Amino acid sequence: MENNMNIRKSKSALVDLGVLVFFVILKMILPFFLVNAAYSLHRDEFLHLDQANHLAWGFQSVPPVTSIFALIIKFFGGSETAVRLLSASIGAATLIFTWKIVGAFKGNLYAKVLSAIALICCAIGRLDLLFQPNAFDILSWTAVYFFMIRFFDTKENRFLYFIAIALGVGFLNKYSIVFLAAGLIPALLISKQRAVFKNKHLYFAALLALLIMLPNLIWQYTNHFPVVGHMKELAATQLDKINRIDFLKDQLLYYFNIIFIVLAGIIALLFYKPFAGFRWIIFGFIISLALFTWFRAKGYYAAGLYPVIIAAGCTYFSFVFNNGWKKYLKVLLIILPVALFSITMKFAYPVLSPEQIIAKHDKFAKIGMLRWEDGLQHDLPQDFADMQGWKEMAALVDIAYAKVKDKSALLVRADNYGEAGAINYYSKFKNINAVAYNADYLYWFKMDKPIKHLILIREPNEDDPQRKKEQPFFGKITKIGEVTTPYAREKGAGVFLLEDANIDINSRINSEIEEEKHDH
C-alpha cells in the first residue's frame, strides 16, 4: 500500500517536472517568434551591453548586476540571439519560482499550468523580452516572496538568509526593490507573522543583505550618489508626465489578459479562509502599490508584485472549481488568457512591421500605444521606434571611421547613450569606443592621447546641420550621411567627420565633461 502510494507520488512528480520543463522551453523560444525581423535591439539594451566593457560596483543608470549579465552575453558571443536567450532565461526562472509558490499554496498541477500561462500572457512576458534590469527585478521580488512563504511554512531560519540574498542581489540589480521591503515590513507588523521580528536570525539576515549591498553603497558614496541625479533627471523628464490615475490604469492594462486571475488572487488573499496565513502578502501588495502610486512611478515598476498574486489566484481557482459543473470552467480559464494574448500581442510585442502598425494607426492610438514619454502621439510605439535605424547609423559611422588614418587621434561622440551603444554594438570596428555626454558614457571617455579628429552623431533636431560652429576649428568637415530608416526615433540623425583640429580638443571636451557631471 505504502509502496503504491510512493510510486504514484513519484509518477506525479515526474509529470509535474515534465510539464514545467515544457513551459520553460516555451518561455525560452517565444521571444524569437514575438520580434519582427524589421527590428533590432532596443536603445536601452545597447547601454547595458556596453557595461560589460566597464565593470564597476555601480553605474549612473543602474546598479552592477546588469553588467554581469552583459559579461555573460559577451562570453557567449554577444549576438542578438544570446541577448534574447539570457533575458528569456531570467523570465523562465521567474516562471519556476511562481510554479513553486503555487506548490507552497498547495495548488495542484492545473494551478501551476495556469500560472505559467498567465505569466506568458501578461505584461511580465513583455518585460522579459528586453535585456534590461526589469526581468531580474521581477525575479528578485518573486524569489523573496517564495522564501518568505517557505519560512513561515517551515520556520527554518535558512530561508531568512535566502530572503536576504534575494533582497541584496535584487538591490544590486535595481533600487526599486526597496518598495518591496517598504511594503512587507509594515505588512508583517500588522499580521500574525509579526513574531518574526523576535527572531534574532532576522537581524543577522538583514546584516547579510546589507553586506551584499555595501559595495554599491560605497560606490555611490565615493561617486557623490549619481543615483540621486539620475532620479532627479528621470523625475523631471519622464515621471512628471505620469499622473497617479494613469499608473493605476496601467495596472489594469498590463494584466488585462489575466485580470480575472489577479482579482481572484487579491480576493483569495483577503477573504478565503485557506489563505488566512498569507494575509501579509496582500497587505504588502497594497502598501507597495500605494507607494508606487504616490511617487508617480511608471506602470511596470510594480510588476514584481504580481507573480505571487497570480499564484494565489490560480491556486484559488484550482480549489473552488474542483467539483460539479464548475470543473468545466477550468478549461475556459486556460483558453481565455491564450485567446486574449493572441489578440493583444500585436500591440504589446513588435510582431508587426512598422508599415503594418501605420496601417492600424487608429487602433494603436486608441489604446494609448503611440503616446511616448514626451506626452505626444507618434507613428510607432516608443519602444518599437527605439528598435529601428541603429544598424544604418553604425554603418555610416564605419564609413567615417575607415576614412581616418590615425585612429589613435580619433574620438567618436554621439548625442545620446542609445547612439553610442548601438555604434559600439553594430560597428565592424570593435575598438571604436563611441561615447556621449549622456548616462554612463559620460564616465567612459578615453582622453589619454591628443584628439585631432572627431566623428559626431547629431540628433535630427540639431540646430546646426552643417556643423558651421565647428568649421573654424577643423581643417575639413564632411557630412557622411544621415539615418533614413522610416519611423526610427533617430531618423534624420547626421554623421559628420571632422578632421585636422587646430585647437586643443582634449581640454575642450574635458571641460564639457565636467560641466555635464556637475549638472548631473
Protein backbone atom coordinates (compact mmCIF):
# COMPACT_ATOMS: atom_id res chain seq x y z
CA MET A 1 0.00 0.00 0.00
CA GLU A 2 2.72 2.44 1.03
CA ASN A 3 4.86 1.40 -1.95
CA ASN A 4 1.96 2.05 -4.33
CA MET A 5 1.47 5.48 -2.80
CA ASN A 6 5.16 6.28 -3.21
CA ILE A 7 5.06 5.13 -6.83
CA ARG A 8 2.05 7.37 -7.51
CA LYS A 9 3.85 10.32 -5.89
CA SER A 10 6.95 9.66 -7.96
CA LYS A 11 4.93 9.49 -11.16
CA SER A 12 3.09 12.67 -10.22
CA ALA A 13 6.40 14.45 -9.54
CA LEU A 14 7.78 13.31 -12.90
CA VAL A 15 4.69 14.56 -14.72
CA ASP A 16 4.93 17.85 -12.81
CA LEU A 17 8.59 18.22 -13.78
CA GLY A 18 7.92 17.31 -17.41
CA VAL A 19 5.19 19.93 -17.74
CA LEU A 20 7.40 22.55 -16.07
CA VAL A 21 10.25 21.77 -18.49
CA PHE A 22 7.81 22.21 -21.39
CA PHE A 23 6.84 25.71 -20.21
CA VAL A 24 10.46 26.67 -19.55
CA ILE A 25 11.40 25.69 -23.11
CA LEU A 26 8.36 27.54 -24.45
CA LYS A 27 9.38 30.62 -22.50
CA MET A 28 12.90 30.41 -23.94
CA ILE A 29 11.86 30.20 -27.59
CA LEU A 30 8.88 32.61 -27.58
CA PRO A 31 10.99 35.80 -27.98
CA PHE A 32 12.17 34.59 -31.38
CA PHE A 33 8.56 34.47 -32.59
CA LEU A 34 7.47 37.74 -30.99
CA VAL A 35 10.01 40.11 -32.59
CA ASN A 36 9.60 41.00 -36.26
CA ALA A 37 12.80 40.84 -38.34
CA ALA A 38 12.38 44.57 -39.06
CA TYR A 39 13.53 45.37 -35.51
CA SER A 40 16.96 45.23 -33.91
CA LEU A 41 17.84 45.52 -30.24
CA HIS A 42 16.38 48.31 -28.10
CA ARG A 43 18.12 51.58 -27.23
CA ASP A 44 18.46 50.68 -23.54
CA GLU A 45 19.89 47.24 -24.31
CA PHE A 46 22.93 48.76 -26.01
CA LEU A 47 23.86 50.73 -22.89
CA HIS A 48 23.55 47.66 -20.66
CA LEU A 49 25.57 45.52 -23.09
CA ASP A 50 28.34 48.12 -23.13
CA GLN A 51 28.60 47.94 -19.35
CA ALA A 52 30.37 44.60 -19.78
CA ASN A 53 33.35 46.62 -21.04
CA HIS A 54 33.38 48.92 -18.00
CA LEU A 55 32.79 46.66 -14.99
CA ALA A 56 32.29 48.51 -11.73
CA TRP A 57 30.30 48.28 -8.48
CA GLY A 58 27.86 50.81 -9.83
CA PHE A 59 26.78 52.93 -12.77
CA GLN A 60 24.93 56.18 -13.09
CA SER A 61 21.95 54.45 -14.69
CA VAL A 62 21.74 51.11 -12.84
CA PRO A 63 23.46 49.03 -10.13
CA PRO A 64 26.07 46.44 -11.21
CA VAL A 65 24.17 43.16 -11.72
CA THR A 66 23.14 44.02 -15.29
CA SER A 67 26.81 44.40 -16.26
CA ILE A 68 27.48 40.84 -15.03
CA PHE A 69 24.73 39.54 -17.29
CA ALA A 70 26.21 41.63 -20.11
CA LEU A 71 29.56 39.95 -19.48
CA ILE A 72 27.89 36.53 -19.75
CA ILE A 73 26.31 37.57 -23.06
CA LYS A 74 29.69 38.79 -24.28
CA PHE A 75 31.28 35.45 -23.28
CA PHE A 76 28.74 33.63 -25.45
CA GLY A 77 29.46 35.79 -28.47
CA GLY A 78 27.29 38.84 -27.84
CA SER A 79 24.82 38.08 -30.64
CA GLU A 80 21.21 39.22 -30.61
CA THR A 81 20.30 35.57 -30.08
CA ALA A 82 22.43 35.45 -26.93
CA VAL A 83 20.79 38.65 -25.68
CA ARG A 84 17.29 37.27 -26.23
CA LEU A 85 18.16 33.91 -24.63
CA LEU A 86 19.57 35.46 -21.46
CA SER A 87 16.53 37.71 -20.97
CA ALA A 88 14.23 34.75 -21.62
CA SER A 89 16.19 32.65 -19.12
CA ILE A 90 15.54 35.20 -16.39
CA GLY A 91 11.85 35.14 -17.26
CA ALA A 92 11.90 31.34 -17.16
CA ALA A 93 13.40 31.48 -13.66
CA THR A 94 10.51 33.72 -12.55
CA LEU A 95 8.12 31.16 -14.02
CA ILE A 96 9.82 28.40 -11.99
CA PHE A 97 9.61 30.39 -8.73
CA THR A 98 5.94 31.16 -9.38
CA TRP A 99 5.33 27.48 -10.07
CA LYS A 100 6.97 26.69 -6.72
CA ILE A 101 4.84 29.32 -4.95
CA VAL A 102 1.72 27.62 -6.29
CA GLY A 103 3.07 24.38 -4.80
CA ALA A 104 3.64 26.14 -1.47
CA PHE A 105 0.00 27.29 -1.62
CA LYS A 106 -0.94 23.58 -2.04
CA GLY A 107 -2.03 24.18 -5.61
CA ASN A 108 -2.19 21.22 -7.99
CA LEU A 109 -0.72 20.75 -11.48
CA TYR A 110 -3.65 22.58 -13.04
CA ALA A 111 -2.94 25.66 -10.91
CA LYS A 112 0.74 25.51 -11.85
CA VAL A 113 -0.04 25.27 -15.57
CA LEU A 114 -2.47 28.18 -15.29
CA SER A 115 0.18 30.27 -13.52
CA ALA A 116 2.72 29.58 -16.29
CA ILE A 117 0.21 30.55 -18.97
CA ALA A 118 -0.71 33.69 -17.03
CA LEU A 119 2.91 34.83 -16.79
CA ILE A 120 3.45 34.31 -20.51
CA CYS A 121 0.25 36.11 -21.48
CA CYS A 122 0.57 39.27 -19.32
CA ALA A 123 2.90 42.27 -19.29
CA ILE A 124 5.54 40.36 -17.35
CA GLY A 125 6.22 38.39 -20.52
CA ARG A 126 6.76 41.68 -22.35
CA LEU A 127 9.27 42.88 -19.75
CA ASP A 128 11.18 39.61 -20.11
CA LEU A 129 11.70 40.34 -23.80
CA LEU A 130 14.34 43.07 -23.43
CA PHE A 131 17.76 42.98 -21.81
CA GLN A 132 17.03 45.47 -19.05
CA PRO A 133 17.06 45.26 -15.22
CA ASN A 134 13.27 44.77 -15.20
CA ALA A 135 13.23 41.00 -15.80
CA PHE A 136 15.66 40.26 -12.97
CA ASP A 137 13.82 42.76 -10.77
CA ILE A 138 10.65 40.70 -11.11
CA LEU A 139 12.63 37.52 -10.44
CA SER A 140 14.14 39.00 -7.26
CA TRP A 141 10.75 40.05 -5.88
CA THR A 142 9.25 36.65 -6.69
CA ALA A 143 12.17 34.86 -5.01
CA VAL A 144 11.71 36.98 -1.87
CA TYR A 145 8.03 36.02 -1.70
CA PHE A 146 8.80 32.33 -2.21
CA PHE A 147 11.45 32.21 0.51
CA MET A 148 9.20 34.14 2.92
CA ILE A 149 6.34 31.72 2.31
CA ARG A 150 8.68 28.80 2.89
CA PHE A 151 10.00 30.38 6.10
CA PHE A 152 6.55 30.88 7.60
CA ASP A 153 5.56 27.39 6.50
CA THR A 154 8.63 25.56 7.88
CA LYS A 155 10.05 28.02 10.46
CA GLU A 156 13.51 27.08 9.13
CA ASN A 157 15.88 30.02 9.64
CA ARG A 158 17.86 29.23 6.49
CA PHE A 159 15.04 30.78 4.47
CA LEU A 160 15.62 34.12 6.20
CA TYR A 161 19.13 34.11 4.76
CA PHE A 162 17.80 33.18 1.33
CA ILE A 163 15.47 36.18 1.62
CA ALA A 164 18.46 38.36 2.48
CA ILE A 165 20.39 37.14 -0.55
CA ALA A 166 17.41 37.73 -2.85
CA LEU A 167 16.94 41.26 -1.43
CA GLY A 168 20.65 42.08 -1.56
CA VAL A 169 21.20 40.86 -5.10
CA GLY A 170 17.89 42.42 -6.11
CA PHE A 171 19.14 45.75 -4.76
CA LEU A 172 22.33 45.36 -6.82
CA ASN A 173 20.09 44.94 -9.84
CA LYS A 174 17.50 47.70 -9.32
CA TYR A 175 16.92 50.02 -6.38
CA SER A 176 13.14 49.83 -6.69
CA ILE A 177 13.22 46.64 -4.61
CA VAL A 178 13.20 48.96 -1.58
CA PHE A 179 9.48 49.43 -2.35
CA LEU A 180 9.03 45.72 -1.71
CA ALA A 181 10.70 45.98 1.69
CA ALA A 182 8.76 49.17 2.44
CA GLY A 183 5.54 47.25 1.85
CA LEU A 184 6.46 44.00 3.56
CA ILE A 185 7.77 45.39 6.86
CA PRO A 186 4.52 47.13 7.91
CA ALA A 187 2.52 44.24 6.40
CA LEU A 188 4.24 41.78 8.72
CA LEU A 189 3.84 44.10 11.69
CA ILE A 190 0.05 44.19 11.28
CA SER A 191 -0.29 40.46 10.62
CA LYS A 192 0.08 37.34 12.74
CA GLN A 193 3.60 36.89 11.33
CA ARG A 194 4.88 39.81 13.42
CA ALA A 195 6.58 37.27 15.70
CA VAL A 196 9.36 37.07 13.11
CA PHE A 197 10.72 40.35 14.48
CA LYS A 198 11.63 38.48 17.70
CA ASN A 199 13.82 36.08 15.75
CA LYS A 200 17.50 37.02 16.05
CA HIS A 201 18.21 35.37 12.68
CA LEU A 202 16.10 38.04 11.01
CA TYR A 203 18.64 40.66 12.05
CA PHE A 204 21.61 38.50 11.08
CA ALA A 205 19.94 38.05 7.71
CA ALA A 206 19.37 41.81 7.45
CA LEU A 207 23.09 42.29 8.11
CA LEU A 208 23.87 39.82 5.31
CA ALA A 209 21.63 41.77 2.93
CA LEU A 210 23.40 45.00 3.90
CA LEU A 211 26.81 43.40 3.31
CA ILE A 212 25.71 42.35 -0.18
CA MET A 213 24.51 45.89 -0.90
CA LEU A 214 27.56 47.55 0.69
CA PRO A 215 29.94 47.61 -2.31
CA ASN A 216 27.38 49.52 -4.33
CA LEU A 217 26.55 51.85 -1.43
CA ILE A 218 30.25 52.62 -1.07
CA TRP A 219 30.48 53.22 -4.82
CA GLN A 220 27.52 55.60 -4.63
CA TYR A 221 29.14 57.48 -1.76
CA THR A 222 32.55 57.80 -3.43
CA ASN A 223 30.90 58.97 -6.66
CA HIS A 224 28.68 61.54 -4.88
CA PHE A 225 25.47 59.47 -5.24
CA PRO A 226 24.85 59.67 -9.00
CA VAL A 227 21.60 57.77 -8.44
CA VAL A 228 20.18 60.97 -6.90
CA GLY A 229 20.98 62.95 -10.03
CA HIS A 230 19.62 60.16 -12.20
CA MET A 231 16.34 60.08 -10.27
CA LYS A 232 16.02 63.87 -10.43
CA GLU A 233 16.56 63.77 -14.19
CA LEU A 234 14.06 60.92 -14.51
CA ALA A 235 11.51 62.81 -12.45
CA ALA A 236 11.99 66.00 -14.47
CA THR A 237 11.87 64.38 -17.93
CA GLN A 238 9.52 61.41 -17.53
CA LEU A 239 7.80 60.86 -14.18
CA ASP A 240 6.37 64.38 -14.05
CA LYS A 241 4.33 63.48 -17.13
CA ILE A 242 2.75 60.50 -15.33
CA ASN A 243 -0.29 61.10 -13.15
CA ARG A 244 -1.36 58.72 -10.44
CA ILE A 245 -4.55 57.68 -12.20
CA ASP A 246 -2.52 56.66 -15.26
CA PHE A 247 -0.33 54.43 -13.08
CA LEU A 248 -3.40 52.62 -11.76
CA LYS A 249 -4.89 52.37 -15.25
CA ASP A 250 -1.64 50.77 -16.38
CA GLN A 251 -2.07 48.05 -13.78
CA LEU A 252 -5.35 47.10 -15.44
CA LEU A 253 -3.92 47.39 -18.93
CA TYR A 254 -0.79 45.34 -18.25
CA TYR A 255 -2.75 42.47 -16.72
CA PHE A 256 -5.87 42.75 -18.86
CA ASN A 257 -5.45 39.25 -20.33
CA ILE A 258 -5.38 37.68 -16.86
CA ILE A 259 -7.27 40.26 -14.83
CA PHE A 260 -9.68 37.59 -13.54
CA ILE A 261 -6.69 35.67 -12.11
CA VAL A 262 -5.24 38.79 -10.47
CA LEU A 263 -8.62 39.70 -8.95
CA ALA A 264 -9.09 36.11 -7.76
CA GLY A 265 -5.67 36.24 -6.10
CA ILE A 266 -6.46 39.51 -4.33
CA ILE A 267 -9.86 38.27 -3.16
CA ALA A 268 -8.46 34.92 -2.02
CA LEU A 269 -5.65 36.51 -0.02
CA LEU A 270 -8.08 38.93 1.59
CA PHE A 271 -11.05 36.68 2.37
CA TYR A 272 -10.53 32.99 1.52
CA LYS A 273 -10.00 31.00 4.72
CA PRO A 274 -7.31 28.58 3.40
CA PHE A 275 -5.18 31.68 2.65
CA ALA A 276 -5.59 33.21 6.11
CA GLY A 277 -1.92 32.58 6.89
CA PHE A 278 -0.89 34.57 3.83
CA ARG A 279 -2.72 37.83 4.60
CA TRP A 280 0.65 39.57 4.93
CA ILE A 281 1.14 39.14 1.16
CA ILE A 282 -1.92 41.18 0.24
CA PHE A 283 -1.16 43.79 2.92
CA GLY A 284 2.31 44.23 1.46
CA PHE A 285 0.90 44.34 -2.07
CA ILE A 286 -1.48 47.16 -1.16
CA ILE A 287 1.17 49.20 0.68
CA SER A 288 3.80 48.84 -2.06
CA LEU A 289 1.27 49.67 -4.77
CA ALA A 290 0.17 52.74 -2.81
CA LEU A 291 3.78 53.90 -2.53
CA PHE A 292 4.36 53.45 -6.26
CA THR A 293 1.18 55.40 -6.95
CA TRP A 294 2.17 58.24 -4.63
CA PHE A 295 5.62 58.61 -6.23
CA ARG A 296 4.16 58.61 -9.77
CA ALA A 297 6.08 55.51 -10.80
CA LYS A 298 5.93 54.03 -14.27
CA GLY A 299 3.34 51.29 -14.52
CA TYR A 300 5.81 48.44 -14.97
CA TYR A 301 7.77 49.31 -11.81
CA ALA A 302 5.21 47.33 -9.80
CA ALA A 303 5.46 44.17 -11.96
CA GLY A 304 7.35 42.25 -9.26
CA LEU A 305 4.25 42.36 -7.04
CA TYR A 306 2.16 40.23 -9.37
CA PRO A 307 3.65 36.70 -9.72
CA VAL A 308 2.69 35.84 -6.11
CA ILE A 309 -0.81 37.29 -6.67
CA ILE A 310 -1.10 35.26 -9.87
CA ALA A 311 -0.01 32.14 -7.98
CA ALA A 312 -2.70 32.77 -5.34
CA GLY A 313 -5.39 33.33 -7.97
CA CYS A 314 -4.51 30.16 -9.88
CA THR A 315 -4.47 28.12 -6.67
CA TYR A 316 -7.82 29.58 -5.63
CA PHE A 317 -9.41 28.53 -8.93
CA SER A 318 -7.99 25.01 -8.54
CA PHE A 319 -9.70 24.83 -5.13
CA VAL A 320 -13.13 26.27 -5.94
CA PHE A 321 -13.56 24.88 -9.48
CA ASN A 322 -12.87 21.30 -8.47
CA ASN A 323 -16.36 19.81 -8.22
CA GLY A 324 -19.55 19.50 -10.25
CA TRP A 325 -20.16 21.72 -13.26
CA LYS A 326 -17.53 24.23 -12.07
CA LYS A 327 -14.69 21.91 -13.03
CA TYR A 328 -15.54 22.54 -16.69
CA LEU A 329 -14.76 26.22 -16.18
CA LYS A 330 -11.14 25.24 -15.62
CA VAL A 331 -10.77 24.65 -19.36
CA LEU A 332 -12.17 28.12 -20.06
CA LEU A 333 -9.67 29.65 -17.63
CA ILE A 334 -6.85 28.09 -19.64
CA ILE A 335 -8.24 29.15 -23.01
CA LEU A 336 -9.20 32.74 -22.11
CA PRO A 337 -5.69 34.16 -21.40
CA VAL A 338 -4.31 32.49 -24.54
CA ALA A 339 -7.17 33.83 -26.66
CA LEU A 340 -6.76 37.36 -25.31
CA PHE A 341 -2.99 37.13 -25.73
CA SER A 342 -3.40 36.18 -29.39
CA ILE A 343 -5.42 39.38 -29.86
CA THR A 344 -3.30 41.79 -27.79
CA MET A 345 0.22 40.55 -28.60
CA LYS A 346 0.36 42.61 -31.81
CA PHE A 347 0.05 45.71 -29.64
CA ALA A 348 2.36 44.63 -26.81
CA TYR A 349 5.09 42.97 -28.86
CA PRO A 350 6.92 44.09 -32.01
CA VAL A 351 5.40 41.30 -34.11
CA LEU A 352 4.08 43.70 -36.76
CA SER A 353 6.35 45.61 -39.10
CA PRO A 354 6.32 49.43 -38.91
CA GLU A 355 4.25 49.56 -42.08
CA GLN A 356 1.65 47.20 -40.61
CA ILE A 357 1.45 49.34 -37.46
CA ILE A 358 0.97 52.50 -39.52
CA ALA A 359 -1.89 50.78 -41.32
CA LYS A 360 -3.52 50.17 -37.91
CA HIS A 361 -2.64 53.62 -36.57
CA ASP A 362 -6.08 54.40 -35.14
CA LYS A 363 -6.26 51.13 -33.19
CA PHE A 364 -2.80 51.67 -31.66
CA ALA A 365 -3.60 55.29 -30.83
CA LYS A 366 -6.93 54.39 -29.24
CA ILE A 367 -5.31 52.22 -26.57
CA GLY A 368 -2.51 54.72 -25.93
CA MET A 369 0.31 52.74 -27.53
CA LEU A 370 1.51 55.70 -29.63
CA ARG A 371 1.96 58.11 -26.72
CA TRP A 372 5.63 58.49 -25.81
CA GLU A 373 7.16 59.66 -22.56
CA ASP A 374 7.15 63.20 -24.02
CA GLY A 375 3.35 63.04 -23.79
CA LEU A 376 2.89 63.31 -27.58
CA GLN A 377 1.45 60.89 -30.16
CA HIS A 378 3.85 59.32 -32.70
CA ASP A 379 3.74 56.85 -35.58
CA LEU A 380 5.13 53.85 -33.68
CA PRO A 381 5.11 52.83 -30.02
CA GLN A 382 8.20 54.35 -28.40
CA ASP A 383 9.84 51.00 -27.63
CA PHE A 384 9.39 49.89 -31.24
CA ALA A 385 10.81 53.15 -32.63
CA ASP A 386 13.77 52.60 -30.29
CA MET A 387 14.47 49.33 -32.15
CA GLN A 388 14.92 50.98 -35.56
CA GLY A 389 17.76 52.60 -37.51
CA TRP A 390 20.72 51.52 -35.40
CA LYS A 391 22.42 49.30 -37.96
CA GLU A 392 22.21 52.05 -40.58
CA MET A 393 23.74 54.55 -38.16
CA ALA A 394 26.60 52.20 -37.27
CA ALA A 395 27.28 51.60 -40.97
CA LEU A 396 27.56 55.37 -41.59
CA VAL A 397 29.96 55.71 -38.67
CA ASP A 398 32.04 52.85 -40.07
CA ILE A 399 32.37 54.73 -43.36
CA ALA A 400 33.66 57.75 -41.49
CA TYR A 401 35.93 55.64 -39.28
CA ALA A 402 37.53 53.95 -42.29
CA LYS A 403 38.48 57.36 -43.74
CA VAL A 404 40.66 58.28 -40.74
CA LYS A 405 44.27 57.11 -40.99
CA ASP A 406 45.40 57.97 -37.46
CA LYS A 407 42.67 56.27 -35.43
CA SER A 408 44.58 56.78 -32.18
CA ALA A 409 43.78 60.50 -32.53
CA LEU A 410 40.07 59.91 -33.21
CA LEU A 411 37.06 60.26 -30.92
CA VAL A 412 33.56 59.07 -31.83
CA ARG A 413 30.99 61.16 -29.97
CA ALA A 414 27.25 60.60 -30.12
CA ASP A 415 24.40 62.72 -28.82
CA ASN A 416 22.93 60.07 -26.52
CA TYR A 417 23.62 56.70 -24.95
CA GLY A 418 21.45 54.80 -27.44
CA GLU A 419 23.50 56.06 -30.37
CA ALA A 420 26.83 55.41 -28.64
CA GLY A 421 25.83 51.93 -27.53
CA ALA A 422 24.40 50.94 -30.91
CA ILE A 423 27.56 52.06 -32.68
CA ASN A 424 29.73 50.05 -30.30
CA TYR A 425 27.49 47.01 -30.74
CA TYR A 426 26.95 47.02 -34.51
CA SER A 427 30.20 48.57 -35.77
CA LYS A 428 32.55 46.19 -37.57
CA PHE A 429 35.41 48.01 -35.80
CA LYS A 430 35.33 46.51 -32.32
CA ASN A 431 37.57 49.15 -30.72
CA ILE A 432 35.58 52.12 -31.96
CA ASN A 433 34.64 53.21 -28.38
CA ALA A 434 31.84 55.65 -29.15
CA VAL A 435 30.86 57.85 -26.20
CA ALA A 436 28.31 60.55 -25.34
CA TYR A 437 27.71 63.31 -22.78
CA ASN A 438 24.90 61.13 -21.52
CA ALA A 439 24.24 58.38 -18.97
CA ASP A 440 27.24 56.17 -18.13
CA TYR A 441 29.14 57.20 -21.26
CA LEU A 442 29.93 60.46 -19.53
CA TYR A 443 32.43 58.47 -17.44
CA TRP A 444 33.86 56.34 -20.26
CA PHE A 445 35.80 58.91 -22.30
CA LYS A 446 39.39 57.87 -23.09
CA MET A 447 41.40 61.09 -23.19
CA ASP A 448 44.92 59.73 -22.77
CA LYS A 449 46.05 60.82 -26.27
CA PRO A 450 45.66 64.12 -28.18
CA ILE A 451 42.49 64.16 -30.27
CA LYS A 452 42.73 65.54 -33.80
CA HIS A 453 39.65 64.06 -35.44
CA LEU A 454 36.03 63.67 -34.40
CA ILE A 455 33.12 61.64 -35.68
CA LEU A 456 29.97 63.38 -34.47
CA ILE A 457 26.48 61.89 -34.45
CA ARG A 458 23.94 64.64 -34.01
CA GLU A 459 20.23 64.22 -33.35
CA PRO A 460 17.73 65.18 -36.09
CA ASN A 461 16.54 68.28 -34.19
CA GLU A 462 20.10 69.67 -34.03
CA ASP A 463 20.05 73.40 -34.95
CA ASP A 464 23.39 73.34 -36.84
CA PRO A 465 23.00 70.62 -39.52
CA GLN A 466 26.13 71.70 -41.43
CA ARG A 467 28.37 72.00 -38.33
CA LYS A 468 29.15 75.66 -39.03
CA LYS A 469 30.15 76.32 -35.43
CA GLU A 470 32.96 73.76 -35.70
CA GLN A 471 34.25 74.89 -39.11
CA PRO A 472 36.82 77.41 -37.70
CA PHE A 473 38.40 74.65 -35.58
CA PHE A 474 38.88 71.88 -38.16
CA GLY A 475 40.66 71.68 -41.46
CA LYS A 476 37.91 69.61 -43.04
CA ILE A 477 34.30 68.73 -42.19
CA THR A 478 32.40 66.09 -44.14
CA LYS A 479 28.81 65.00 -43.73
CA ILE A 480 28.86 61.24 -44.25
CA GLY A 481 25.08 60.85 -44.24
CA GLU A 482 22.04 60.62 -42.04
CA VAL A 483 19.68 57.94 -40.79
CA THR A 484 16.88 57.40 -43.28
CA THR A 485 15.14 54.38 -41.73
CA PRO A 486 11.42 55.28 -41.73
CA TYR A 487 9.81 55.74 -38.30
CA ALA A 488 13.10 55.29 -36.41
CA ARG A 489 13.36 57.56 -33.41
CA GLU A 490 16.79 58.60 -34.70
CA LYS A 491 15.61 59.26 -38.26
CA GLY A 492 17.46 62.31 -39.60
CA ALA A 493 20.38 61.98 -37.19
CA GLY A 494 23.52 63.05 -39.06
CA VAL A 495 27.01 61.54 -39.05
CA PHE A 496 29.88 64.02 -39.53
CA LEU A 497 33.63 63.54 -39.88
CA LEU A 498 35.68 66.47 -38.50
CA GLU A 499 39.38 66.22 -39.37
CA ASP A 500 42.63 68.04 -38.53
CA ALA A 501 41.72 70.05 -35.44
CA ASN A 502 43.63 73.30 -34.90
CA ILE A 503 42.65 73.70 -31.24
CA ASP A 504 43.15 71.68 -28.07
CA ILE A 505 40.19 69.31 -28.38
CA ASN A 506 41.09 67.37 -25.22
CA SER A 507 40.85 70.40 -22.95
CA ARG A 508 37.58 71.47 -24.50
CA ILE A 509 36.00 68.04 -24.14
CA ASN A 510 37.27 67.63 -20.57
CA SER A 511 35.69 70.95 -19.70
CA GLU A 512 32.37 69.90 -21.23
CA ILE A 513 32.51 66.57 -19.40
CA GLU A 514 32.98 68.32 -16.07
CA GLU A 515 30.08 70.66 -16.80
CA GLU A 516 27.83 67.71 -17.60
CA LYS A 517 28.91 65.84 -14.46
CA HIS A 518 28.24 68.91 -12.39
CA ASP A 519 24.75 69.23 -13.91
CA HIS A 520 24.08 65.59 -13.07
